[in-house]
Amino acid sequence: MTSLVLEPLSTYRSYPPDEMVARARAFYEDIKRRRTVRDFSDRPVPREVIEYALLAAGTAPSGANLQPWHFTVITDQNIKRRIREEAEVEEREFYNGRAPQEWLDALAPLGTDERKPFVETAPVLIAIFGQRSSEGPDGRRVKNYYVPESVGIATGFLIASLHAAGLVTLTHTPNPMGFLNQICHRPESEKPYILLVVGYPAEDCTVPVHGGSRGRSRRSPLGSKAAPGAVSATWVKVSHTPCGARPRCWACHEVALATVPLVCWVPAETLRLCCPHLRSG
């Protein structure tokens, strides 16, 4: 077993309280401009921007510090066209029978369908894979832990970095995405989680008003009934029993892999968007 190597925390910076608030506010004011877009320009993106954004993603925390992710950057037009064709096959099945009606109703205000032209139009695609195992320093395979959580955090870093550089993104998740393993020449031990579409917005790009058809403003994660000094949110415990159905959501897929009941906590507001095999209690 590899021994732990420690070093002084020399990169930490401390700020006066007023500056801390100012920095937190400035970050919030900038990041709240970030929007998911579906209308991309084909304007090329500087290679170095993508490289530095990936370096930023690589600084994310991960289970046991094993960094169980792999990012494949795709700019070749022929490969992007092939990815679009494969993605639209899955999307047609999703919109024409696989997705529960409640999920389709939730997507209806966005106007999405099985057509995904942005996969070809945007200059950069980043296929994000989670690695179930990695090769250790001694050449042995080592199981990775908290892979979905680690990949999710790294993806968040990546999106924030690209936003800071002046780019826009779309998290595209056709399900299943096994075709990405074949196209990107990745082993079966890696699971594709997200196809991140990256570029500049088209001149006529539009985005939904926050709150969509409900007419609501952006929800505050701080909650409306928080006690002084506390953060409030409504979370519910859900269980998911293996059902043998084709995976429809992250929970179904994880259960299909593990073949054991899954129990977790999810925000109450998102429970209605989950697959029907989730039960609260």
C-alpha atoms as a PDB file:
ATOM      1  CA  MET A   1       0.000   0.000   0.000  1.00  0.00           C
ATOM      2  CA  THR A   2       1.296   3.462  -0.899  1.00  0.00           C
ATOM      3  CA  SER A   3       2.224   5.538   2.150  1.00  0.00           C
ATOM      4  CA  LEU A   4       0.658   8.952   2.680  1.00  0.00           C
ATOM      5  CA  VAL A   5       2.816  11.929   1.717  1.00  0.00           C
ATOM      6  CA  LEU A   6       1.895  15.297   3.264  1.00  0.00           C
ATOM      7  CA  GLU A   7       3.061  18.829   2.545  1.00  0.00           C
ATOM      8  CA  PRO A   8       2.434  22.248   4.147  1.00  0.00           C
ATOM      9  CA  LEU A   9      -0.680  24.124   2.995  1.00  0.00           C
ATOM     10  CA  SER A  10       1.352  26.892   1.385  1.00  0.00           C
ATOM     11  CA  THR A  11      -1.268  27.957  -1.189  1.00  0.00           C
ATOM     12  CA  TYR A  12      -3.954  29.043   1.300  1.00  0.00           C
ATOM     13  CA  ARG A  13      -4.806  32.760   1.393  1.00  0.00           C
ATOM     14  CA  SER A  14      -6.642  34.509   4.201  1.00  0.00           C
ATOM     15  CA  TYR A  15      -8.712  37.670   3.644  1.00  0.00           C
ATOM     16  CA  PRO A  16     -10.253  40.260   5.978  1.00  0.00           C
ATOM     17  CA  PRO A  17     -14.006  39.708   6.515  1.00  0.00           C
ATOM     18  CA  ASP A  18     -15.012  42.668   4.327  1.00  0.00           C
ATOM     19  CA  GLU A  19     -12.869  41.392   1.475  1.00  0.00           C
ATOM     20  CA  MET A  20     -14.250  37.880   1.935  1.00  0.00           C
ATOM     21  CA  VAL A  21     -17.790  39.196   1.476  1.00  0.00           C
ATOM     22  CA  ALA A  22     -16.744  41.286  -1.519  1.00  0.00           C
ATOM     23  CA  ARG A  23     -15.042  38.323  -3.189  1.00  0.00           C
ATOM     24  CA  ALA A  24     -18.001  36.028  -2.509  1.00  0.00           C
ATOM     25  CA  ARG A  25     -20.397  38.641  -3.889  1.00  0.00           C
ATOM     26  CA  ALA A  26     -18.249  39.223  -6.983  1.00  0.00           C
ATOM     27  CA  PHE A  27     -18.103  35.509  -7.712  1.00  0.00           C
ATOM     28  CA  TYR A  28     -21.870  35.207  -7.308  1.00  0.00           C
ATOM     29  CA  GLU A  29     -22.547  38.215  -9.539  1.00  0.00           C
ATOM     30  CA  ASP A  30     -20.365  36.683 -12.253  1.00  0.00           C
ATOM     31  CA  ILE A  31     -21.506  33.075 -12.009  1.00  0.00           C
ATOM     32  CA  LYS A  32     -25.193  33.997 -12.003  1.00  0.00           C
ATOM     33  CA  ARG A  33     -24.695  35.223 -15.590  1.00  0.00           C
ATOM     34  CA  ARG A  34     -23.960  31.648 -16.606  1.00  0.00           C
ATOM     35  CA  ARG A  35     -26.743  30.141 -18.687  1.00  0.00           C
ATOM     36  CA  THR A  36     -27.162  26.837 -20.454  1.00  0.00           C
ATOM     37  CA  VAL A  37     -27.582  27.492 -24.172  1.00  0.00           C
ATOM     38  CA  ARG A  38     -28.633  25.404 -27.154  1.00  0.00           C
ATOM     39  CA  ASP A  39     -27.848  27.887 -29.927  1.00  0.00           C
ATOM     40  CA  PHE A  40     -24.127  27.892 -30.662  1.00  0.00           C
ATOM     41  CA  SER A  41     -21.890  29.755 -33.086  1.00  0.00           C
ATOM     42  CA  ASP A  42     -19.332  27.736 -35.043  1.00  0.00           C
ATOM     43  CA  ARG A  43     -16.633  30.291 -34.152  1.00  0.00           C
ATOM     44  CA  PRO A  44     -13.411  28.485 -33.190  1.00  0.00           C
ATOM     45  CA  VAL A  45     -12.311  28.431 -29.555  1.00  0.00           C
ATOM     46  CA  PRO A  46      -8.634  28.968 -28.628  1.00  0.00           C
ATOM     47  CA  ARG A  47      -7.083  25.622 -27.724  1.00  0.00           C
ATOM     48  CA  GLU A  48      -5.355  27.061 -24.647  1.00  0.00           C
ATOM     49  CA  VAL A  49      -8.693  28.087 -23.134  1.00  0.00           C
ATOM     50  CA  ILE A  50      -9.875  24.476 -23.179  1.00  0.00           C
ATOM     51  CA  GLU A  51      -6.554  23.230 -21.835  1.00  0.00           C
ATOM     52  CA  TYR A  52      -6.576  25.600 -18.860  1.00  0.00           C
ATOM     53  CA  ALA A  53     -10.220  24.832 -18.140  1.00  0.00           C
ATOM     54  CA  LEU A  54      -9.377  21.116 -18.033  1.00  0.00           C
ATOM     55  CA  LEU A  55      -6.456  21.842 -15.703  1.00  0.00           C
ATOM     56  CA  ALA A  56      -8.910  23.670 -13.433  1.00  0.00           C
ATOM     57  CA  ALA A  57     -11.278  20.690 -13.526  1.00  0.00           C
ATOM     58  CA  GLY A  58      -8.406  18.447 -12.510  1.00  0.00           C
ATOM     59  CA  THR A  59      -8.019  20.363  -9.236  1.00  0.00           C
ATOM     60  CA  ALA A  60     -11.449  19.204  -8.021  1.00  0.00           C
ATOM     61  CA  PRO A  61     -11.670  17.057  -4.887  1.00  0.00           C
ATOM     62  CA  SER A  62     -12.257  13.347  -5.478  1.00  0.00           C
ATOM     63  CA  GLY A  63     -12.868  10.164  -3.531  1.00  0.00           C
ATOM     64  CA  ALA A  64      -9.579   9.055  -1.920  1.00  0.00           C
ATOM     65  CA  ASN A  65      -7.901  11.626  -4.213  1.00  0.00           C
ATOM     66  CA  LEU A  66      -7.961   9.064  -7.035  1.00  0.00           C
ATOM     67  CA  GLN A  67      -9.297  11.566  -9.618  1.00  0.00           C
ATOM     68  CA  PRO A  68     -11.529   9.006 -11.368  1.00  0.00           C
ATOM     69  CA  TRP A  69     -12.242  10.970 -14.534  1.00  0.00           C
ATOM     70  CA  HIS A  70     -11.198  11.225 -18.145  1.00  0.00           C
ATOM     71  CA  PHE A  71     -11.952  14.120 -20.501  1.00  0.00           C
ATOM     72  CA  THR A  72     -11.936  13.589 -24.266  1.00  0.00           C
ATOM     73  CA  VAL A  73     -11.929  16.780 -26.346  1.00  0.00           C
ATOM     74  CA  ILE A  74     -13.535  16.493 -29.786  1.00  0.00           C
ATOM     75  CA  THR A  75     -13.182  19.149 -32.481  1.00  0.00           C
ATOM     76  CA  ASP A  76     -13.114  17.053 -35.670  1.00  0.00           C
ATOM     77  CA  GLN A  77     -16.262  17.737 -37.686  1.00  0.00           C
ATOM     78  CA  ASN A  78     -16.668  14.155 -38.895  1.00  0.00           C
ATOM     79  CA  ILE A  79     -16.472  12.783 -35.369  1.00  0.00           C
ATOM     80  CA  LYS A  80     -18.934  15.400 -34.120  1.00  0.00           C
ATOM     81  CA  ARG A  81     -21.333  14.394 -36.898  1.00  0.00           C
ATOM     82  CA  ARG A  82     -21.053  10.753 -35.890  1.00  0.00           C
ATOM     83  CA  ILE A  83     -21.698  11.613 -32.242  1.00  0.00           C
ATOM     84  CA  ARG A  84     -24.765  13.606 -33.234  1.00  0.00           C
ATOM     85  CA  GLU A  85     -26.129  10.699 -35.268  1.00  0.00           C
ATOM     86  CA  GLU A  86     -25.657   8.261 -32.392  1.00  0.00           C
ATOM     87  CA  ALA A  87     -27.060  10.693 -29.826  1.00  0.00           C
ATOM     88  CA  GLU A  88     -30.171  11.336 -31.891  1.00  0.00           C
ATOM     89  CA  VAL A  89     -30.868   7.602 -32.107  1.00  0.00           C
ATOM     90  CA  GLU A  90     -31.095   7.492 -28.309  1.00  0.00           C
ATOM     91  CA  GLU A  91     -32.995  10.772 -28.140  1.00  0.00           C
ATOM     92  CA  ARG A  92     -35.651   9.518 -30.578  1.00  0.00           C
ATOM     93  CA  GLU A  93     -36.254   6.517 -28.326  1.00  0.00           C
ATOM     94  CA  PHE A  94     -36.385   8.804 -25.300  1.00  0.00           C
ATOM     95  CA  TYR A  95     -38.932  11.233 -26.725  1.00  0.00           C
ATOM     96  CA  ASN A  96     -41.029   8.531 -28.399  1.00  0.00           C
ATOM     97  CA  GLY A  97     -41.590   6.025 -25.626  1.00  0.00           C
ATOM     98  CA  ARG A  98     -38.763   5.670 -23.149  1.00  0.00           C
ATOM     99  CA  ALA A  99     -39.389   8.835 -21.119  1.00  0.00           C
ATOM    100  CA  PRO A 100     -42.323   8.965 -18.678  1.00  0.00           C
ATOM    101  CA  GLN A 101     -44.939  11.585 -19.560  1.00  0.00           C
ATOM    102  CA  GLU A 102     -44.186  13.641 -16.453  1.00  0.00           C
ATOM    103  CA  TRP A 103     -40.591  14.039 -17.588  1.00  0.00           C
ATOM    104  CA  LEU A 104     -41.707  15.092 -21.073  1.00  0.00           C
ATOM    105  CA  ASP A 105     -44.107  17.598 -19.501  1.00  0.00           C
ATOM    106  CA  ALA A 106     -41.225  19.083 -17.507  1.00  0.00           C
ATOM    107  CA  LEU A 107     -39.144  19.450 -20.686  1.00  0.00           C
ATOM    108  CA  ALA A 108     -41.989  20.856 -22.818  1.00  0.00           C
ATOM    109  CA  PRO A 109     -41.476  24.541 -21.840  1.00  0.00           C
ATOM    110  CA  LEU A 110     -37.873  24.287 -23.064  1.00  0.00           C
ATOM    111  CA  GLY A 111     -38.968  23.187 -26.526  1.00  0.00           C
ATOM    112  CA  THR A 112     -36.439  20.348 -26.717  1.00  0.00           C
ATOM    113  CA  ASP A 113     -36.838  17.333 -28.975  1.00  0.00           C
ATOM    114  CA  GLU A 114     -34.712  14.567 -30.488  1.00  0.00           C
ATOM    115  CA  ARG A 115     -32.889  16.946 -32.854  1.00  0.00           C
ATOM    116  CA  LYS A 116     -29.464  18.003 -31.543  1.00  0.00           C
ATOM    117  CA  PRO A 117     -27.827  20.259 -34.173  1.00  0.00           C
ATOM    118  CA  PHE A 118     -25.629  21.933 -31.532  1.00  0.00           C
ATOM    119  CA  VAL A 119     -23.528  18.771 -31.330  1.00  0.00           C
ATOM    120  CA  GLU A 120     -22.261  19.540 -34.822  1.00  0.00           C
ATOM    121  CA  THR A 121     -22.389  23.339 -34.727  1.00  0.00           C
ATOM    122  CA  ALA A 122     -20.458  23.992 -31.526  1.00  0.00           C
ATOM    123  CA  PRO A 123     -16.690  24.016 -32.056  1.00  0.00           C
ATOM    124  CA  VAL A 124     -15.829  21.803 -29.068  1.00  0.00           C
ATOM    125  CA  LEU A 125     -17.314  18.741 -27.412  1.00  0.00           C
ATOM    126  CA  ILE A 126     -15.898  17.321 -24.190  1.00  0.00           C
ATOM    127  CA  ALA A 127     -16.906  13.745 -23.409  1.00  0.00           C
ATOM    128  CA  ILE A 128     -16.604  13.224 -19.658  1.00  0.00           C
ATOM    129  CA  PHE A 129     -16.031   9.691 -18.391  1.00  0.00           C
ATOM    130  CA  GLY A 130     -15.964   8.245 -14.893  1.00  0.00           C
ATOM    131  CA  GLN A 131     -13.360   5.567 -14.222  1.00  0.00           C
ATOM    132  CA  ARG A 132     -14.556   2.650 -12.082  1.00  0.00           C
ATOM    133  CA  SER A 133     -10.947   1.682 -11.496  1.00  0.00           C
ATOM    134  CA  SER A 134      -7.484   3.139 -12.056  1.00  0.00           C
ATOM    135  CA  GLU A 135      -3.970   1.833 -12.377  1.00  0.00           C
ATOM    136  CA  GLY A 136      -1.963   2.264  -9.190  1.00  0.00           C
ATOM    137  CA  PRO A 137       1.737   3.208  -8.979  1.00  0.00           C
ATOM    138  CA  ASP A 138       2.638  -0.487  -8.882  1.00  0.00           C
ATOM    139  CA  GLY A 139       0.591  -1.298 -11.992  1.00  0.00           C
ATOM    140  CA  ARG A 140      -2.283  -2.975 -10.117  1.00  0.00           C
ATOM    141  CA  ARG A 141      -5.887  -2.004 -10.759  1.00  0.00           C
ATOM    142  CA  VAL A 142      -7.369   0.008  -7.893  1.00  0.00           C
ATOM    143  CA  LYS A 143     -11.105   0.460  -7.349  1.00  0.00           C
ATOM    144  CA  ASN A 144     -12.253   4.083  -7.377  1.00  0.00           C
ATOM    145  CA  TYR A 145     -14.767   5.382  -4.871  1.00  0.00           C
ATOM    146  CA  TYR A 146     -17.420   8.116  -5.080  1.00  0.00           C
ATOM    147  CA  VAL A 147     -17.012   8.226  -8.846  1.00  0.00           C
ATOM    148  CA  PRO A 148     -20.306  10.018  -9.716  1.00  0.00           C
ATOM    149  CA  GLU A 149     -19.734  12.615  -7.006  1.00  0.00           C
ATOM    150  CA  SER A 150     -16.122  13.192  -8.045  1.00  0.00           C
ATOM    151  CA  VAL A 151     -16.977  13.492 -11.744  1.00  0.00           C
ATOM    152  CA  GLY A 152     -19.868  15.833 -10.954  1.00  0.00           C
ATOM    153  CA  ILE A 153     -17.682  18.174  -8.906  1.00  0.00           C
ATOM    154  CA  ALA A 154     -14.934  18.200 -11.558  1.00  0.00           C
ATOM    155  CA  THR A 155     -17.529  18.970 -14.232  1.00  0.00           C
ATOM    156  CA  GLY A 156     -18.785  21.880 -12.156  1.00  0.00           C
ATOM    157  CA  PHE A 157     -15.243  23.244 -11.947  1.00  0.00           C
ATOM    158  CA  LEU A 158     -14.921  22.823 -15.713  1.00  0.00           C
ATOM    159  CA  ILE A 159     -18.171  24.650 -16.479  1.00  0.00           C
ATOM    160  CA  ALA A 160     -17.298  27.497 -14.105  1.00  0.00           C
ATOM    161  CA  SER A 161     -13.841  27.846 -15.669  1.00  0.00           C
ATOM    162  CA  LEU A 162     -15.236  27.944 -19.211  1.00  0.00           C
ATOM    163  CA  HIS A 163     -17.793  30.544 -18.123  1.00  0.00           C
ATOM    164  CA  ALA A 164     -15.056  32.676 -16.571  1.00  0.00           C
ATOM    165  CA  ALA A 165     -13.199  32.540 -19.901  1.00  0.00           C
ATOM    166  CA  GLY A 166     -16.225  33.865 -21.802  1.00  0.00           C
ATOM    167  CA  LEU A 167     -17.644  30.634 -23.229  1.00  0.00           C
ATOM    168  CA  VAL A 168     -21.057  28.991 -22.902  1.00  0.00           C
ATOM    169  CA  THR A 169     -21.884  25.342 -22.354  1.00  0.00           C
ATOM    170  CA  LEU A 170     -24.618  22.739 -22.517  1.00  0.00           C
ATOM    171  CA  THR A 171     -24.654  19.526 -20.497  1.00  0.00           C
ATOM    172  CA  HIS A 172     -25.969  16.971 -22.978  1.00  0.00           C
ATOM    173  CA  THR A 173     -26.859  13.558 -21.546  1.00  0.00           C
ATOM    174  CA  PRO A 174     -28.327  11.134 -24.097  1.00  0.00           C
ATOM    175  CA  ASN A 175     -29.057   7.877 -22.315  1.00  0.00           C
ATOM    176  CA  PRO A 176     -27.452   5.418 -22.708  1.00  0.00           C
ATOM    177  CA  MET A 177     -24.163   6.908 -23.905  1.00  0.00           C
ATOM    178  CA  GLY A 178     -22.170   3.754 -24.536  1.00  0.00           C
ATOM    179  CA  PHE A 179     -21.524   4.882 -28.107  1.00  0.00           C
ATOM    180  CA  LEU A 180     -19.067   7.439 -26.701  1.00  0.00           C
ATOM    181  CA  ASN A 181     -16.796   4.648 -25.459  1.00  0.00           C
ATOM    182  CA  GLN A 182     -16.524   3.305 -28.984  1.00  0.00           C
ATOM    183  CA  ILE A 183     -16.142   6.653 -30.732  1.00  0.00           C
ATOM    184  CA  CYS A 184     -13.634   8.005 -28.188  1.00  0.00           C
ATOM    185  CA  HIS A 185     -11.785   4.672 -27.867  1.00  0.00           C
ATOM    186  CA  ARG A 186     -12.368   4.437 -24.121  1.00  0.00           C
ATOM    187  CA  PRO A 187     -12.445   1.092 -22.247  1.00  0.00           C
ATOM    188  CA  GLU A 188     -15.631  -0.488 -20.903  1.00  0.00           C
ATOM    189  CA  SER A 189     -14.419   0.199 -17.369  1.00  0.00           C
ATOM    190  CA  GLU A 190     -15.189   3.878 -17.990  1.00  0.00           C
ATOM    191  CA  LYS A 191     -18.745   5.185 -17.887  1.00  0.00           C
ATOM    192  CA  PRO A 192     -19.668   8.261 -19.960  1.00  0.00           C
ATOM    193  CA  TYR A 193     -21.526  10.753 -17.769  1.00  0.00           C
ATOM    194  CA  ILE A 194     -21.834  13.965 -19.764  1.00  0.00           C
ATOM    195  CA  LEU A 195     -21.207  15.278 -23.253  1.00  0.00           C
ATOM    196  CA  LEU A 196     -20.319  18.916 -22.585  1.00  0.00           C
ATOM    197  CA  VAL A 197     -21.005  21.180 -25.564  1.00  0.00           C
ATOM    198  CA  VAL A 198     -18.703  24.227 -25.555  1.00  0.00           C
ATOM    199  CA  GLY A 199     -18.436  27.395 -27.614  1.00  0.00           C
ATOM    200  CA  TYR A 200     -19.776  30.895 -28.166  1.00  0.00           C
ATOM    201  CA  PRO A 201     -23.493  31.688 -28.247  1.00  0.00           C
ATOM    202  CA  ALA A 202     -25.080  32.297 -31.631  1.00  0.00           C
ATOM    203  CA  GLU A 203     -26.014  35.911 -32.359  1.00  0.00           C
ATOM    204  CA  ASP A 204     -29.728  35.047 -32.152  1.00  0.00           C
ATOM    205  CA  CYS A 205     -29.298  32.841 -29.063  1.00  0.00           C
ATOM    206  CA  THR A 206     -32.193  32.869 -26.607  1.00  0.00           C
ATOM    207  CA  VAL A 207     -32.562  31.241 -23.187  1.00  0.00           C
ATOM    208  CA  PRO A 208     -35.618  30.558 -21.016  1.00  0.00           C
ATOM    209  CA  VAL A 209     -36.624  33.195 -18.492  1.00  0.00           C
ATOM    210  CA  HIS A 210     -35.680  32.011 -15.012  1.00  0.00           C
ATOM    211  CA  GLY A 211     -38.652  30.150 -13.588  1.00  0.00           C
ATOM    212  CA  GLY A 212     -39.891  29.125 -17.049  1.00  0.00           C
ATOM    213  CA  SER A 213     -43.625  28.735 -17.545  1.00  0.00           C
ATOM    214  CA  ARG A 214     -44.198  28.912 -13.789  1.00  0.00           C
ATOM    215  CA  GLY A 215     -43.236  32.565 -13.836  1.00  0.00           C
ATOM    216  CA  ARG A 216     -41.066  32.124 -10.766  1.00  0.00           C
ATOM    217  CA  SER A 217     -37.749  33.793 -10.114  1.00  0.00           C
ATOM    218  CA  ARG A 218     -34.572  31.790  -9.507  1.00  0.00           C
ATOM    219  CA  ARG A 219     -34.901  29.674  -6.342  1.00  0.00           C
ATOM    220  CA  SER A 220     -32.592  30.587  -3.518  1.00  0.00           C
ATOM    221  CA  PRO A 221     -30.649  27.628  -2.090  1.00  0.00           C
ATOM    222  CA  LEU A 222     -30.782  29.405   1.264  1.00  0.00           C
ATOM    223  CA  GLY A 223     -34.453  28.571   1.705  1.00  0.00           C
ATOM    224  CA  SER A 224     -37.252  30.785   2.975  1.00  0.00           C
ATOM    225  CA  LYS A 225     -37.605  29.524   6.561  1.00  0.00           C
ATOM    226  CA  ALA A 226     -34.021  29.272   7.684  1.00  0.00           C
ATOM    227  CA  ALA A 227     -33.227  29.911  11.302  1.00  0.00           C
ATOM    228  CA  PRO A 228     -30.706  32.699  11.936  1.00  0.00           C
ATOM    229  CA  GLY A 229     -27.303  31.561  10.760  1.00  0.00           C
ATOM    230  CA  ALA A 230     -28.690  28.373   9.174  1.00  0.00           C
ATOM    231  CA  VAL A 231     -29.289  27.188   5.618  1.00  0.00           C
ATOM    232  CA  SER A 232     -32.640  25.547   4.963  1.00  0.00           C
ATOM    233  CA  ALA A 233     -33.728  23.181   2.213  1.00  0.00           C
ATOM    234  CA  THR A 234     -36.339  20.447   1.943  1.00  0.00           C
ATOM    235  CA  TRP A 235     -34.792  17.045   1.285  1.00  0.00           C
ATOM    236  CA  VAL A 236     -36.575  13.706   1.302  1.00  0.00           C
ATOM    237  CA  LYS A 237     -35.279  10.177   1.691  1.00  0.00           C
ATOM    238  CA  VAL A 238     -36.016   7.951  -1.311  1.00  0.00           C
ATOM    239  CA  SER A 239     -35.556   4.282  -2.029  1.00  0.00           C
ATOM    240  CA  HIS A 240     -35.187   2.583  -5.395  1.00  0.00           C
ATOM    241  CA  THR A 241     -35.684  -1.132  -5.811  1.00  0.00           C
ATOM    242  CA  PRO A 242     -34.179  -3.011  -8.791  1.00  0.00           C
ATOM    243  CA  CYS A 243     -36.961  -3.422 -11.316  1.00  0.00           C
ATOM    244  CA  GLY A 244     -35.283  -4.925 -14.369  1.00  0.00           C
ATOM    245  CA  ALA A 245     -36.453  -2.041 -16.540  1.00  0.00           C
ATOM    246  CA  ARG A 246     -34.112  -0.368 -18.973  1.00  0.00           C
ATOM    247  CA  PRO A 247     -32.291   2.424 -17.123  1.00  0.00           C
ATOM    248  CA  ARG A 248     -34.084   5.758 -17.315  1.00  0.00           C
ATOM    249  CA  CYS A 249     -32.237   7.830 -14.775  1.00  0.00           C
ATOM    250  CA  TRP A 250     -29.068   7.836 -12.712  1.00  0.00           C
ATOM    251  CA  ALA A 251     -30.774   5.843  -9.959  1.00  0.00           C
ATOM    252  CA  CYS A 252     -32.014   3.122 -12.316  1.00  0.00           C
ATOM    253  CA  HIS A 253     -28.580   2.827 -13.835  1.00  0.00           C
ATOM    254  CA  GLU A 254     -26.781   2.594 -10.517  1.00  0.00           C
ATOM    255  CA  VAL A 255     -29.257  -0.030  -9.322  1.00  0.00           C
ATOM    256  CA  ALA A 256     -28.858  -1.955 -12.567  1.00  0.00           C
ATOM    257  CA  LEU A 257     -25.121  -2.019 -11.954  1.00  0.00           C
ATOM    258  CA  ALA A 258     -25.302  -2.871  -8.271  1.00  0.00           C
ATOM    259  CA  THR A 259     -28.449  -5.066  -8.326  1.00  0.00           C
ATOM    260  CA  VAL A 260     -29.224  -3.922  -4.790  1.00  0.00           C
ATOM    261  CA  PRO A 261     -31.768  -1.434  -3.433  1.00  0.00           C
ATOM    262  CA  LEU A 262     -30.566   2.154  -3.425  1.00  0.00           C
ATOM    263  CA  VAL A 263     -31.362   4.626  -0.657  1.00  0.00           C
ATOM    264  CA  CYS A 264     -30.428   8.285  -0.897  1.00  0.00           C
ATOM    265  CA  TRP A 265     -31.550  11.829  -0.170  1.00  0.00           C
ATOM    266  CA  VAL A 266     -32.732  14.158  -2.939  1.00  0.00           C
ATOM    267  CA  PRO A 267     -34.231  17.679  -2.995  1.00  0.00           C
ATOM    268  CA  ALA A 268     -37.999  17.375  -2.665  1.00  0.00           C
ATOM    269  CA  GLU A 269     -38.552  19.680  -5.632  1.00  0.00           C
ATOM    270  CA  THR A 270     -36.655  17.374  -7.989  1.00  0.00           C
ATOM    271  CA  LEU A 271     -38.305  14.151  -6.853  1.00  0.00           C
ATOM    272  CA  ARG A 272     -41.119  14.596  -9.376  1.00  0.00           C
ATOM    273  CA  LEU A 273     -38.549  14.642 -12.198  1.00  0.00           C
ATOM    274  CA  CYS A 274     -37.053  11.310 -11.196  1.00  0.00           C
ATOM    275  CA  CYS A 275     -37.971   7.981 -12.642  1.00  0.00           C
ATOM    276  CA  PRO A 276     -41.216   6.376 -11.373  1.00  0.00           C
ATOM    277  CA  HIS A 277     -39.331   3.629  -9.551  1.00  0.00           C
ATOM    278  CA  LEU A 278     -38.192   6.131  -6.910  1.00  0.00           C
ATOM    279  CA  ARG A 279     -40.302   6.088  -3.775  1.00  0.00           C
ATOM    280  CA  SER A 280     -40.135   8.556  -0.909  1.00  0.00           C
ATOM    281  CA  GLY A 281     -40.196   7.392   2.672  1.00  0.00           C
END
